[in-house]
C-alpha atoms as a PDB file:
ATOM      1  CA  MET A   1      89.219 144.119 -86.411  1.00  0.00           C
ATOM      2  CA  ASN A   2      90.367 143.055 -89.873  1.00  0.00           C
ATOM      3  CA  THR A   3      89.464 139.394 -90.469  1.00  0.00           C
ATOM      4  CA  LEU A   4      92.988 138.736 -91.706  1.00  0.00           C
ATOM      5  CA  GLU A   5      94.262 139.403 -88.170  1.00  0.00           C
ATOM      6  CA  VAL A   6      92.309 136.436 -86.830  1.00  0.00           C
ATOM      7  CA  ARG A   7      93.780 132.996 -87.361  1.00  0.00           C
ATOM      8  CA  PRO A   8      91.376 130.729 -89.249  1.00  0.00           C
ATOM      9  CA  GLN A   9      90.683 127.218 -88.022  1.00  0.00           C
ATOM     10  CA  LEU A  10      91.242 125.679 -91.440  1.00  0.00           C
ATOM     11  CA  SER A  11      93.609 126.433 -94.306  1.00  0.00           C
ATOM     12  CA  ALA A  12      93.240 124.947 -97.780  1.00  0.00           C
ATOM     13  CA  VAL A  13      96.539 125.089 -99.683  1.00  0.00           C
ATOM     14  CA  VAL A  14      96.505 124.914-103.479  1.00  0.00           C
ATOM     15  CA  PRO A  15      99.680 125.121-105.595  1.00  0.00           C
ATOM     16  CA  ALA A  16      99.024 125.914-109.253  1.00  0.00           C
ATOM     17  CA  TYR A  17     100.962 126.219-112.481  1.00  0.00           C
ATOM     18  CA  ASN A  18      99.210 127.266-115.704  1.00  0.00           C
ATOM     19  CA  GLU A  19      95.679 126.362-114.609  1.00  0.00           C
ATOM     20  CA  VAL A  20      93.881 129.573-115.575  1.00  0.00           C
ATOM     21  CA  GLU A  21      90.933 127.673-117.062  1.00  0.00           C
ATOM     22  CA  CYS A  22      90.395 125.836-113.772  1.00  0.00           C
ATOM     23  CA  VAL A  23      90.663 128.784-111.373  1.00  0.00           C
ATOM     24  CA  PRO A  24      87.073 130.140-111.478  1.00  0.00           C
ATOM     25  CA  VAL A  25      85.438 126.718-111.097  1.00  0.00           C
ATOM     26  CA  LEU A  26      87.953 125.634-108.454  1.00  0.00           C
ATOM     27  CA  LEU A  27      87.370 128.703-106.302  1.00  0.00           C
ATOM     28  CA  ASP A  28      83.581 128.365-106.485  1.00  0.00           C
ATOM     29  CA  GLU A  29      83.763 124.702-105.488  1.00  0.00           C
ATOM     30  CA  LEU A  30      86.238 125.382-102.693  1.00  0.00           C
ATOM     31  CA  ARG A  31      84.142 128.159-101.173  1.00  0.00           C
ATOM     32  CA  THR A  32      81.108 125.861-101.116  1.00  0.00           C
ATOM     33  CA  ALA A  33      83.074 122.961 -99.607  1.00  0.00           C
ATOM     34  CA  LEU A  34      84.862 125.052 -96.982  1.00  0.00           C
ATOM     35  CA  ASP A  35      81.639 126.790 -95.934  1.00  0.00           C
ATOM     36  CA  ALA A  36      80.166 123.306 -95.380  1.00  0.00           C
ATOM     37  CA  THR A  37      82.825 122.561 -92.730  1.00  0.00           C
ATOM     38  CA  SER A  38      81.315 125.127 -90.317  1.00  0.00           C
ATOM     39  CA  ARG A  39      84.852 126.335 -89.547  1.00  0.00           C
ATOM     40  CA  THR A  40      86.554 129.627 -90.160  1.00  0.00           C
ATOM     41  CA  TRP A  41      88.816 129.179 -93.152  1.00  0.00           C
ATOM     42  CA  GLU A  42      91.312 130.667 -95.530  1.00  0.00           C
ATOM     43  CA  LEU A  43      92.354 129.638 -99.000  1.00  0.00           C
ATOM     44  CA  VAL A  44      96.102 129.818 -99.656  1.00  0.00           C
ATOM     45  CA  LEU A  45      96.787 129.931-103.404  1.00  0.00           C
ATOM     46  CA  VAL A  46     100.370 129.619-104.621  1.00  0.00           C
ATOM     47  CA  ASN A  47     101.068 130.639-108.196  1.00  0.00           C
ATOM     48  CA  ASP A  48     104.174 128.780-109.362  1.00  0.00           C
ATOM     49  CA  SER A  49     105.185 131.557-111.770  1.00  0.00           C
ATOM     50  CA  SER A  50     102.486 130.672-114.289  1.00  0.00           C
ATOM     51  CA  THR A  51     102.640 132.102-117.796  1.00  0.00           C
ATOM     52  CA  ASP A  52      98.973 131.817-118.760  1.00  0.00           C
ATOM     53  CA  GLY A  53      97.286 134.317-116.448  1.00  0.00           C
ATOM     54  CA  THR A  54      96.707 131.970-113.489  1.00  0.00           C
ATOM     55  CA  GLY A  55      98.307 134.401-111.053  1.00  0.00           C
ATOM     56  CA  GLU A  56      96.288 137.325-112.341  1.00  0.00           C
ATOM     57  CA  ALA A  57      93.030 135.347-112.077  1.00  0.00           C
ATOM     58  CA  MET A  58      93.864 134.432-108.486  1.00  0.00           C
ATOM     59  CA  ALA A  59      94.707 138.020-107.625  1.00  0.00           C
ATOM     60  CA  VAL A  60      91.414 139.309-109.015  1.00  0.00           C
ATOM     61  CA  ALA A  61      89.477 136.745-106.969  1.00  0.00           C
ATOM     62  CA  ALA A  62      91.438 137.582-103.807  1.00  0.00           C
ATOM     63  CA  ALA A  63      90.714 141.285-104.225  1.00  0.00           C
ATOM     64  CA  ASN A  64      87.027 140.480-103.738  1.00  0.00           C
ATOM     65  CA  ASP A  65      87.356 137.936-100.920  1.00  0.00           C
ATOM     66  CA  SER A  66      89.621 138.527 -97.918  1.00  0.00           C
ATOM     67  CA  ARG A  67      89.643 134.801 -97.124  1.00  0.00           C
ATOM     68  CA  LEU A  68      91.770 134.225-100.225  1.00  0.00           C
ATOM     69  CA  ARG A  69      95.514 134.794 -99.931  1.00  0.00           C
ATOM     70  CA  VAL A  70      97.656 134.602-103.056  1.00  0.00           C
ATOM     71  CA  PHE A  71     101.422 134.139-103.199  1.00  0.00           C
ATOM     72  CA  HIS A  72     103.494 134.334-106.377  1.00  0.00           C
ATOM     73  CA  LEU A  73     106.801 132.484-106.691  1.00  0.00           C
ATOM     74  CA  GLU A  74     109.463 134.571-108.407  1.00  0.00           C
ATOM     75  CA  LYS A  75     110.282 131.744-110.813  1.00  0.00           C
ATOM     76  CA  ASN A  76     108.821 128.361-111.636  1.00  0.00           C
ATOM     77  CA  ALA A  77     110.062 126.078-108.844  1.00  0.00           C
ATOM     78  CA  GLY A  78     107.838 123.000-109.101  1.00  0.00           C
ATOM     79  CA  GLN A  79     104.975 121.482-107.154  1.00  0.00           C
ATOM     80  CA  SER A  80     106.977 120.670-104.026  1.00  0.00           C
ATOM     81  CA  ALA A  81     108.278 124.221-103.687  1.00  0.00           C
ATOM     82  CA  ALA A  82     104.854 125.747-104.297  1.00  0.00           C
ATOM     83  CA  LEU A  83     103.256 123.413-101.761  1.00  0.00           C
ATOM     84  CA  ALA A  84     105.978 124.126 -99.192  1.00  0.00           C
ATOM     85  CA  ALA A  85     105.491 127.872 -99.671  1.00  0.00           C
ATOM     86  CA  GLY A  86     101.765 127.511 -99.069  1.00  0.00           C
ATOM     87  CA  LEU A  87     102.095 125.253 -96.026  1.00  0.00           C
ATOM     88  CA  GLU A  88     104.609 127.627 -94.452  1.00  0.00           C
ATOM     89  CA  ARG A  89     102.240 130.576 -94.852  1.00  0.00           C
ATOM     90  CA  ALA A  90      99.006 128.809 -93.899  1.00  0.00           C
ATOM     91  CA  ARG A  91      97.664 129.862 -90.492  1.00  0.00           C
ATOM     92  CA  GLY A  92      95.039 127.217 -89.689  1.00  0.00           C
ATOM     93  CA  ASP A  93      95.366 124.468 -87.103  1.00  0.00           C
ATOM     94  CA  VAL A  94      94.212 122.057 -89.810  1.00  0.00           C
ATOM     95  CA  LEU A  95      95.720 122.137 -93.298  1.00  0.00           C
ATOM     96  CA  VAL A  96      94.110 120.620 -96.386  1.00  0.00           C
ATOM     97  CA  THR A  97      96.003 120.245 -99.659  1.00  0.00           C
ATOM     98  CA  LEU A  98      94.708 119.614-103.169  1.00  0.00           C
ATOM     99  CA  ASP A  99      95.660 120.184-106.789  1.00  0.00           C
ATOM    100  CA  ALA A 100      94.256 122.988-108.912  1.00  0.00           C
ATOM    101  CA  ASP A 101      93.388 120.833-111.926  1.00  0.00           C
ATOM    102  CA  LEU A 102      89.833 119.985-110.721  1.00  0.00           C
ATOM    103  CA  GLN A 103      90.513 116.242-110.623  1.00  0.00           C
ATOM    104  CA  ASN A 104      90.280 116.415-106.819  1.00  0.00           C
ATOM    105  CA  ASP A 105      86.716 117.147-105.674  1.00  0.00           C
ATOM    106  CA  PRO A 106      86.618 119.837-102.957  1.00  0.00           C
ATOM    107  CA  ALA A 107      83.272 118.405-101.812  1.00  0.00           C
ATOM    108  CA  ASP A 108      85.272 115.588-100.172  1.00  0.00           C
ATOM    109  CA  ILE A 109      86.976 117.974 -97.733  1.00  0.00           C
ATOM    110  CA  PRO A 110      84.357 117.638 -94.939  1.00  0.00           C
ATOM    111  CA  MET A 111      84.805 113.854 -95.086  1.00  0.00           C
ATOM    112  CA  LEU A 112      88.574 114.231 -94.657  1.00  0.00           C
ATOM    113  CA  LEU A 113      88.061 116.494 -91.655  1.00  0.00           C
ATOM    114  CA  GLN A 114      85.734 113.967 -90.045  1.00  0.00           C
ATOM    115  CA  ALA A 115      88.395 111.267 -90.454  1.00  0.00           C
ATOM    116  CA  LEU A 116      91.009 113.625 -89.006  1.00  0.00           C
ATOM    117  CA  GLU A 117      89.201 113.502 -85.667  1.00  0.00           C
ATOM    118  CA  ARG A 118      90.789 110.071 -85.081  1.00  0.00           C
ATOM    119  CA  ALA A 119      94.101 110.733 -86.841  1.00  0.00           C
ATOM    120  CA  ASP A 120      96.891 113.223 -87.478  1.00  0.00           C
ATOM    121  CA  VAL A 121      97.020 112.795 -91.255  1.00  0.00           C
ATOM    122  CA  VAL A 122      94.268 111.773 -93.665  1.00  0.00           C
ATOM    123  CA  SER A 123      95.363 110.733 -97.154  1.00  0.00           C
ATOM    124  CA  GLY A 124      92.866 110.437 -99.977  1.00  0.00           C
ATOM    125  CA  VAL A 125      92.652 107.317-102.131  1.00  0.00           C
ATOM    126  CA  ARG A 126      91.312 107.744-105.654  1.00  0.00           C
ATOM    127  CA  ALA A 127      88.826 104.872-105.547  1.00  0.00           C
ATOM    128  CA  SER A 128      87.859 105.153-109.222  1.00  0.00           C
ATOM    129  CA  ARG A 129      90.668 106.888-111.053  1.00  0.00           C
ATOM    130  CA  GLN A 130      89.794 108.803-114.193  1.00  0.00           C
ATOM    131  CA  ASP A 131      93.210 108.428-115.816  1.00  0.00           C
ATOM    132  CA  THR A 132      94.683 106.448-118.692  1.00  0.00           C
ATOM    133  CA  TRP A 133      95.494 102.795-118.037  1.00  0.00           C
ATOM    134  CA  ILE A 134      99.225 103.424-118.276  1.00  0.00           C
ATOM    135  CA  ARG A 135      99.059 106.074-115.575  1.00  0.00           C
ATOM    136  CA  ARG A 136      97.004 103.800-113.339  1.00  0.00           C
ATOM    137  CA  VAL A 137      99.410 100.881-113.782  1.00  0.00           C
ATOM    138  CA  SER A 138     102.532 102.999-113.292  1.00  0.00           C
ATOM    139  CA  SER A 139     100.996 104.499-110.159  1.00  0.00           C
ATOM    140  CA  LYS A 140     100.285 101.050-108.701  1.00  0.00           C
ATOM    141  CA  VAL A 141     103.855  99.945-109.358  1.00  0.00           C
ATOM    142  CA  ALA A 142     105.287 103.132-107.868  1.00  0.00           C
ATOM    143  CA  ASN A 143     103.108 102.903-104.759  1.00  0.00           C
ATOM    144  CA  ALA A 144     103.980  99.241-104.188  1.00  0.00           C
ATOM    145  CA  THR A 145     107.689  99.981-104.611  1.00  0.00           C
ATOM    146  CA  ARG A 146     107.522 102.893-102.200  1.00  0.00           C
ATOM    147  CA  ARG A 147     105.663 100.911 -99.543  1.00  0.00           C
ATOM    148  CA  ALA A 148     108.165  98.058 -99.811  1.00  0.00           C
ATOM    149  CA  ALA A 149     111.107 100.435 -99.472  1.00  0.00           C
ATOM    150  CA  LEU A 150     109.750 102.681 -96.733  1.00  0.00           C
ATOM    151  CA  GLY A 151     107.292 100.456 -94.878  1.00  0.00           C
ATOM    152  CA  ASP A 152     104.556 103.105 -94.830  1.00  0.00           C
ATOM    153  CA  SER A 153     100.891 102.253 -95.267  1.00  0.00           C
ATOM    154  CA  VAL A 154      99.788 104.898 -97.803  1.00  0.00           C
ATOM    155  CA  THR A 155      98.364 103.205-100.892  1.00  0.00           C
ATOM    156  CA  ASP A 156      97.851 106.240-103.166  1.00  0.00           C
ATOM    157  CA  ILE A 157     100.511 108.829-102.527  1.00  0.00           C
ATOM    158  CA  GLY A 158      99.725 110.469-105.875  1.00  0.00           C
ATOM    159  CA  CYS A 159      96.391 111.737-104.573  1.00  0.00           C
ATOM    160  CA  SER A 160      96.962 115.351-103.571  1.00  0.00           C
ATOM    161  CA  LEU A 161      93.791 115.624-101.478  1.00  0.00           C
ATOM    162  CA  LYS A 162      95.031 115.283 -97.899  1.00  0.00           C
ATOM    163  CA  ALA A 163      94.431 116.769 -94.452  1.00  0.00           C
ATOM    164  CA  TYR A 164      96.991 117.382 -91.710  1.00  0.00           C
ATOM    165  CA  ARG A 165      97.061 118.602 -88.158  1.00  0.00           C
ATOM    166  CA  ARG A 166      99.463 121.540 -88.163  1.00  0.00           C
ATOM    167  CA  ASP A 167     101.808 120.149 -85.509  1.00  0.00           C
ATOM    168  CA  VAL A 168     102.736 117.009 -87.512  1.00  0.00           C
ATOM    169  CA  LEU A 169     104.210 119.149 -90.287  1.00  0.00           C
ATOM    170  CA  VAL A 170     106.336 121.369 -88.063  1.00  0.00           C
ATOM    171  CA  GLY A 171     110.038 120.873 -88.723  1.00  0.00           C
ATOM    172  CA  LEU A 172     109.676 118.431 -91.619  1.00  0.00           C
ATOM    173  CA  PRO A 173     112.433 118.754 -94.239  1.00  0.00           C
ATOM    174  CA  MET A 174     111.271 120.189 -97.547  1.00  0.00           C
ATOM    175  CA  PHE A 175     112.918 118.985-100.752  1.00  0.00           C
ATOM    176  CA  VAL A 176     112.083 118.505-104.421  1.00  0.00           C
ATOM    177  CA  GLY A 177     109.553 115.670-104.505  1.00  0.00           C
ATOM    178  CA  VAL A 178     108.433 116.068-100.887  1.00  0.00           C
ATOM    179  CA  HIS A 179     104.780 116.373-101.933  1.00  0.00           C
ATOM    180  CA  ARG A 180     104.837 112.614-102.642  1.00  0.00           C
ATOM    181  CA  PHE A 181     106.232 111.712 -99.221  1.00  0.00           C
ATOM    182  CA  LEU A 182     104.620 114.022 -96.648  1.00  0.00           C
ATOM    183  CA  PRO A 183     102.331 111.379 -95.065  1.00  0.00           C
ATOM    184  CA  ALA A 184     105.244 108.918 -94.871  1.00  0.00           C
ATOM    185  CA  LEU A 185     107.497 111.531 -93.250  1.00  0.00           C
ATOM    186  CA  CYS A 186     104.764 112.272 -90.718  1.00  0.00           C
ATOM    187  CA  ALA A 187     104.353 108.542 -90.005  1.00  0.00           C
ATOM    188  CA  PHE A 188     108.110 108.166 -89.433  1.00  0.00           C
ATOM    189  CA  ARG A 189     107.728 110.596 -86.532  1.00  0.00           C
ATOM    190  CA  GLY A 190     104.801 108.717 -85.012  1.00  0.00           C
ATOM    191  CA  ALA A 191     101.810 110.469 -86.605  1.00  0.00           C
ATOM    192  CA  ARG A 192      98.585 108.498 -86.979  1.00  0.00           C
ATOM    193  CA  VAL A 193      97.872 108.175 -90.704  1.00  0.00           C
ATOM    194  CA  VAL A 194      94.536 106.957 -92.098  1.00  0.00           C
ATOM    195  CA  GLU A 195      93.149 106.764 -95.617  1.00  0.00           C
ATOM    196  CA  VAL A 196      89.700 107.526 -97.022  1.00  0.00           C
ATOM    197  CA  ASN A 197      88.297 106.946-100.486  1.00  0.00           C
ATOM    198  CA  VAL A 198      87.744 110.144-102.433  1.00  0.00           C
ATOM    199  CA  ARG A 199      86.349 110.983-105.828  1.00  0.00           C
ATOM    200  CA  HIS A 200      88.555 111.505-108.846  1.00  0.00           C
ATOM    201  CA  ARG A 201      87.431 113.372-111.926  1.00  0.00           C
ATOM    202  CA  PRO A 202      88.757 113.390-115.495  1.00  0.00           C
ATOM    203  CA  ARG A 203      90.776 116.413-116.501  1.00  0.00           C
ATOM    204  CA  THR A 204      88.579 118.602-118.689  1.00  0.00           C
ATOM    205  CA  ARG A 205      90.596 121.829-118.597  1.00  0.00           C
ATOM    206  CA  GLY A 206      94.268 122.596-118.956  1.00  0.00           C
ATOM    207  CA  VAL A 207      97.113 120.178-119.646  1.00  0.00           C
ATOM    208  CA  SER A 208      98.786 117.679-117.310  1.00  0.00           C
ATOM    209  CA  LYS A 209     102.294 118.682-116.230  1.00  0.00           C
ATOM    210  CA  TYR A 210     103.436 115.119-115.533  1.00  0.00           C
ATOM    211  CA  GLY A 211     104.318 112.117-117.629  1.00  0.00           C
ATOM    212  CA  MET A 212     106.252 108.872-117.345  1.00  0.00           C
ATOM    213  CA  GLY A 213     109.493 110.534-118.378  1.00  0.00           C
ATOM    214  CA  ASN A 214     109.560 113.137-115.621  1.00  0.00           C
ATOM    215  CA  ARG A 215     108.297 110.819-112.871  1.00  0.00           C
ATOM    216  CA  LEU A 216     110.173 107.508-113.054  1.00  0.00           C
ATOM    217  CA  TRP A 217     113.818 108.426-112.504  1.00  0.00           C
ATOM    218  CA  ARG A 218     113.039 111.356-110.247  1.00  0.00           C
ATOM    219  CA  GLY A 219     110.813 109.104-108.132  1.00  0.00           C
ATOM    220  CA  ILE A 220     113.546 106.491-107.773  1.00  0.00           C
ATOM    221  CA  HIS A 221     116.066 109.152-106.774  1.00  0.00           C
ATOM    222  CA  ASP A 222     113.651 110.625-104.215  1.00  0.00           C
ATOM    223  CA  LEU A 223     112.852 107.186-102.794  1.00  0.00           C
ATOM    224  CA  ILE A 224     116.525 106.495-102.120  1.00  0.00           C
ATOM    225  CA  GLY A 225     116.847 109.819-100.328  1.00  0.00           C
ATOM    226  CA  VAL A 226     113.728 109.383 -98.198  1.00  0.00           C
ATOM    227  CA  SER A 227     114.756 105.843 -97.271  1.00  0.00           C
ATOM    228  CA  TRP A 228     118.079 107.236 -96.048  1.00  0.00           C
ATOM    229  CA  LEU A 229     116.289 109.966 -94.140  1.00  0.00           C
ATOM    230  CA  LYS A 230     113.967 107.488 -92.432  1.00  0.00           C
ATOM    231  CA  HIS A 231     116.893 105.641 -90.922  1.00  0.00           C
ATOM    232  CA  ARG A 232     118.748 108.841 -89.943  1.00  0.00           C
ATOM    233  CA  LEU A 233     115.922 110.670 -88.172  1.00  0.00           C
ATOM    234  CA  VAL A 234     116.729 111.715 -84.613  1.00  0.00           C
ATOM    235  CA  ARG A 235     114.259 110.097 -82.203  1.00  0.00           C
ATOM    236  CA  TYR A 236     114.163 110.858 -78.479  1.00  0.00           C
ATOM    237  CA  ARG A 237     111.860 111.518 -75.523  1.00  0.00           C
ATOM    238  CA  VAL A 238     112.552 113.841 -72.633  1.00  0.00           C
ATOM    239  CA  ARG A 239     111.898 112.221 -69.278  1.00  0.00           C
ATOM    240  CA  GLY A 240     108.944 113.752 -67.459  1.00  0.00           C
ATOM    241  CA  GLU A 241     107.396 115.455 -70.498  1.00  0.00           C
END
């Protein structure tokens, strides 16, 4: 039987836009980390219509490893869309997400899975961030503002390294900016969310796609929408179930 016909236990989902320099190192590190979990796994790579050869590099790697599945968005749609596309197509009972820029360390994945044994969502916290001071300060302000507005417990929503049980993601609304709010949305529906400290590495390849200008106002707009959604969610239990 073709291995692609068997559902893996674990799916790692990686959205990427113009990260061709990172792809070879990322894939090597991910294979090593996922093999260390002692689970069957797949790697779901989503190319967000890159222009630098990222998609082609992914396709070449997938041609030599059936555990890699590559999806190409028809046009550049942003991180949330690329992540949503990957999560929808992932087949594992456990889903791990991370960025393609190598600042997340795939070697932390087994630790996240261990923490998931007592939770539904595990969110990484960059204990020693390798970013500029202005990015660190702006992140602290944004996280504090979000927690005050939404009442969730996640202290570092900007860390993309997270692990989810599949069932907590089923039916969640997907919108531009959702990648910053997935743990909170899960918590709104009663999911158990825990945090673990993870490593954070300086960016040594490629160029960051985010800055203050494209985060601040969009983040405020998203926060208003998610706050509305929190208070409008339908909550019910069926007697006897």
